[in-house]
Amino acid sequence: MNTLANWDGGGPGPWILFLPLIWAAVVVGVVAVLRRTVWRGRRGPWHPVDRPAGDSPLAVLGRRFASGEIDEDEYWRRMSVLDEQFGRKGGAL
């Protein structure tokens, strides 16, 4: 019985089957590195996704209503004022 350590058949041997797996691992590794660095704008995985510096007034109002700081009447009253002042984009929050 021929094994990897004792291959006298005069060919590459059965280990040649691992070469496609090694190349697949290299390609997957390169793609993973590119996705985390270059394709994210050379920022790397440690930078957060870009967000606006401040929340919009409508978002703050919605968060205050959701947390229970203001009631529904107060929410709609302030919403109408903000809607006149800032307007809604696309008709939704």
C-alpha atoms as a PDB file:
ATOM      1  CA  MET A   1       0.000   0.000   0.000  1.00  0.00           C
ATOM      2  CA  ASN A   2       1.406   3.341  -1.028  1.00  0.00           C
ATOM      3  CA  THR A   3       1.142   6.286   1.349  1.00  0.00           C
ATOM      4  CA  LEU A   4       2.098   9.927   1.113  1.00  0.00           C
ATOM      5  CA  ALA A   5       5.340   9.316   2.966  1.00  0.00           C
ATOM      6  CA  ASN A   6       6.285   6.390   0.757  1.00  0.00           C
ATOM      7  CA  TRP A   7       5.224   7.309  -2.774  1.00  0.00           C
ATOM      8  CA  ASP A   8       7.358   5.661  -5.409  1.00  0.00           C
ATOM      9  CA  GLY A   9       4.868   5.925  -8.260  1.00  0.00           C
ATOM     10  CA  GLY A  10       6.819   8.643 -10.049  1.00  0.00           C
ATOM     11  CA  GLY A  11       4.132  11.312 -10.053  1.00  0.00           C
ATOM     12  CA  PRO A  12       2.913  14.168  -7.976  1.00  0.00           C
ATOM     13  CA  GLY A  13       1.089  11.914  -5.555  1.00  0.00           C
ATOM     14  CA  PRO A  14      -2.276  12.294  -3.915  1.00  0.00           C
ATOM     15  CA  TRP A  15      -1.266  15.541  -2.172  1.00  0.00           C
ATOM     16  CA  ILE A  16      -1.817  17.289  -5.494  1.00  0.00           C
ATOM     17  CA  LEU A  17      -5.543  17.196  -4.705  1.00  0.00           C
ATOM     18  CA  PHE A  18      -4.974  19.724  -1.909  1.00  0.00           C
ATOM     19  CA  LEU A  19      -3.587  22.406  -4.247  1.00  0.00           C
ATOM     20  CA  PRO A  20      -7.036  23.559  -5.453  1.00  0.00           C
ATOM     21  CA  LEU A  21      -8.138  23.834  -1.821  1.00  0.00           C
ATOM     22  CA  ILE A  22      -5.097  25.907  -0.975  1.00  0.00           C
ATOM     23  CA  TRP A  23      -5.742  28.239  -3.925  1.00  0.00           C
ATOM     24  CA  ALA A  24      -9.412  28.558  -2.954  1.00  0.00           C
ATOM     25  CA  ALA A  25      -8.351  29.534   0.579  1.00  0.00           C
ATOM     26  CA  VAL A  26      -5.945  32.143  -0.817  1.00  0.00           C
ATOM     27  CA  VAL A  27      -8.638  33.644  -3.056  1.00  0.00           C
ATOM     28  CA  VAL A  28     -11.170  33.743  -0.194  1.00  0.00           C
ATOM     29  CA  GLY A  29      -8.574  35.385   2.044  1.00  0.00           C
ATOM     30  CA  VAL A  30      -7.715  38.051  -0.534  1.00  0.00           C
ATOM     31  CA  VAL A  31     -11.394  38.834  -1.126  1.00  0.00           C
ATOM     32  CA  ALA A  32     -12.000  39.084   2.626  1.00  0.00           C
ATOM     33  CA  VAL A  33      -9.093  41.496   3.062  1.00  0.00           C
ATOM     34  CA  LEU A  34     -10.230  43.617   0.117  1.00  0.00           C
ATOM     35  CA  ARG A  35     -13.791  43.763   1.413  1.00  0.00           C
ATOM     36  CA  ARG A  36     -12.608  44.933   4.814  1.00  0.00           C
ATOM     37  CA  THR A  37     -10.132  47.548   3.564  1.00  0.00           C
ATOM     38  CA  VAL A  38     -10.067  48.785  -0.018  1.00  0.00           C
ATOM     39  CA  TRP A  39     -13.706  48.234  -0.927  1.00  0.00           C
ATOM     40  CA  ARG A  40     -14.833  50.062   2.245  1.00  0.00           C
ATOM     41  CA  GLY A  41     -13.006  53.176   1.163  1.00  0.00           C
ATOM     42  CA  ARG A  42      -9.630  52.317   2.699  1.00  0.00           C
ATOM     43  CA  ARG A  43     -11.025  52.901   6.178  1.00  0.00           C
ATOM     44  CA  GLY A  44     -10.821  49.376   7.520  1.00  0.00           C
ATOM     45  CA  PRO A  45     -13.308  47.437   9.612  1.00  0.00           C
ATOM     46  CA  TRP A  46     -12.781  49.498  12.767  1.00  0.00           C
ATOM     47  CA  HIS A  47     -14.515  52.620  11.464  1.00  0.00           C
ATOM     48  CA  PRO A  48     -18.277  52.915  11.899  1.00  0.00           C
ATOM     49  CA  VAL A  49     -20.605  53.433   8.977  1.00  0.00           C
ATOM     50  CA  ASP A  50     -21.025  57.121   8.141  1.00  0.00           C
ATOM     51  CA  ARG A  51     -23.878  58.783  10.000  1.00  0.00           C
ATOM     52  CA  PRO A  52     -24.987  62.376  10.115  1.00  0.00           C
ATOM     53  CA  ALA A  53     -23.341  64.424  12.849  1.00  0.00           C
ATOM     54  CA  GLY A  54     -26.674  65.233  14.518  1.00  0.00           C
ATOM     55  CA  ASP A  55     -30.099  63.677  14.564  1.00  0.00           C
ATOM     56  CA  SER A  56     -32.876  65.425  12.701  1.00  0.00           C
ATOM     57  CA  PRO A  57     -35.503  67.154  14.816  1.00  0.00           C
ATOM     58  CA  LEU A  58     -38.122  64.712  13.520  1.00  0.00           C
ATOM     59  CA  ALA A  59     -36.009  61.762  14.654  1.00  0.00           C
ATOM     60  CA  VAL A  60     -35.517  63.288  18.117  1.00  0.00           C
ATOM     61  CA  LEU A  61     -39.245  63.923  18.400  1.00  0.00           C
ATOM     62  CA  GLY A  62     -40.058  60.361  17.373  1.00  0.00           C
ATOM     63  CA  ARG A  63     -37.553  58.965  19.878  1.00  0.00           C
ATOM     64  CA  ARG A  64     -38.994  61.109  22.702  1.00  0.00           C
ATOM     65  CA  PHE A  65     -42.505  59.925  21.851  1.00  0.00           C
ATOM     66  CA  ALA A  66     -41.405  56.300  21.700  1.00  0.00           C
ATOM     67  CA  SER A  67     -39.675  56.520  25.083  1.00  0.00           C
ATOM     68  CA  GLY A  68     -42.757  58.087  26.703  1.00  0.00           C
ATOM     69  CA  GLU A  69     -41.280  61.517  27.436  1.00  0.00           C
ATOM     70  CA  ILE A  70     -44.162  63.218  25.596  1.00  0.00           C
ATOM     71  CA  ASP A  71     -47.728  62.130  25.010  1.00  0.00           C
ATOM     72  CA  GLU A  72     -49.542  61.757  21.691  1.00  0.00           C
ATOM     73  CA  ASP A  73     -51.108  65.240  21.716  1.00  0.00           C
ATOM     74  CA  GLU A  74     -47.749  66.860  22.362  1.00  0.00           C
ATOM     75  CA  TYR A  75     -46.171  64.696  19.656  1.00  0.00           C
ATOM     76  CA  TRP A  76     -48.690  65.763  16.990  1.00  0.00           C
ATOM     77  CA  ARG A  77     -48.527  69.413  18.022  1.00  0.00           C
ATOM     78  CA  ARG A  78     -44.753  69.485  17.730  1.00  0.00           C
ATOM     79  CA  MET A  79     -44.871  67.390  14.559  1.00  0.00           C
ATOM     80  CA  SER A  80     -47.059  69.991  12.848  1.00  0.00           C
ATOM     81  CA  VAL A  81     -44.642  72.763  13.835  1.00  0.00           C
ATOM     82  CA  LEU A  82     -41.623  70.806  12.620  1.00  0.00           C
ATOM     83  CA  ASP A  83     -43.426  69.832   9.435  1.00  0.00           C
ATOM     84  CA  GLU A  84     -44.041  73.494   8.649  1.00  0.00           C
ATOM     85  CA  GLN A  85     -40.485  74.431   9.480  1.00  0.00           C
ATOM     86  CA  PHE A  86     -38.490  71.517   8.013  1.00  0.00           C
ATOM     87  CA  GLY A  87     -40.964  69.603   5.892  1.00  0.00           C
ATOM     88  CA  ARG A  88     -40.936  65.861   5.419  1.00  0.00           C
ATOM     89  CA  LYS A  89     -38.950  64.261   2.672  1.00  0.00           C
ATOM     90  CA  GLY A  90     -40.965  61.670   0.808  1.00  0.00           C
ATOM     91  CA  GLY A  91     -43.989  62.149   3.052  1.00  0.00           C
ATOM     92  CA  ALA A  92     -42.702  59.768   5.728  1.00  0.00           C
ATOM     93  CA  LEU A  93     -40.506  59.997   8.779  1.00  0.00           C
END
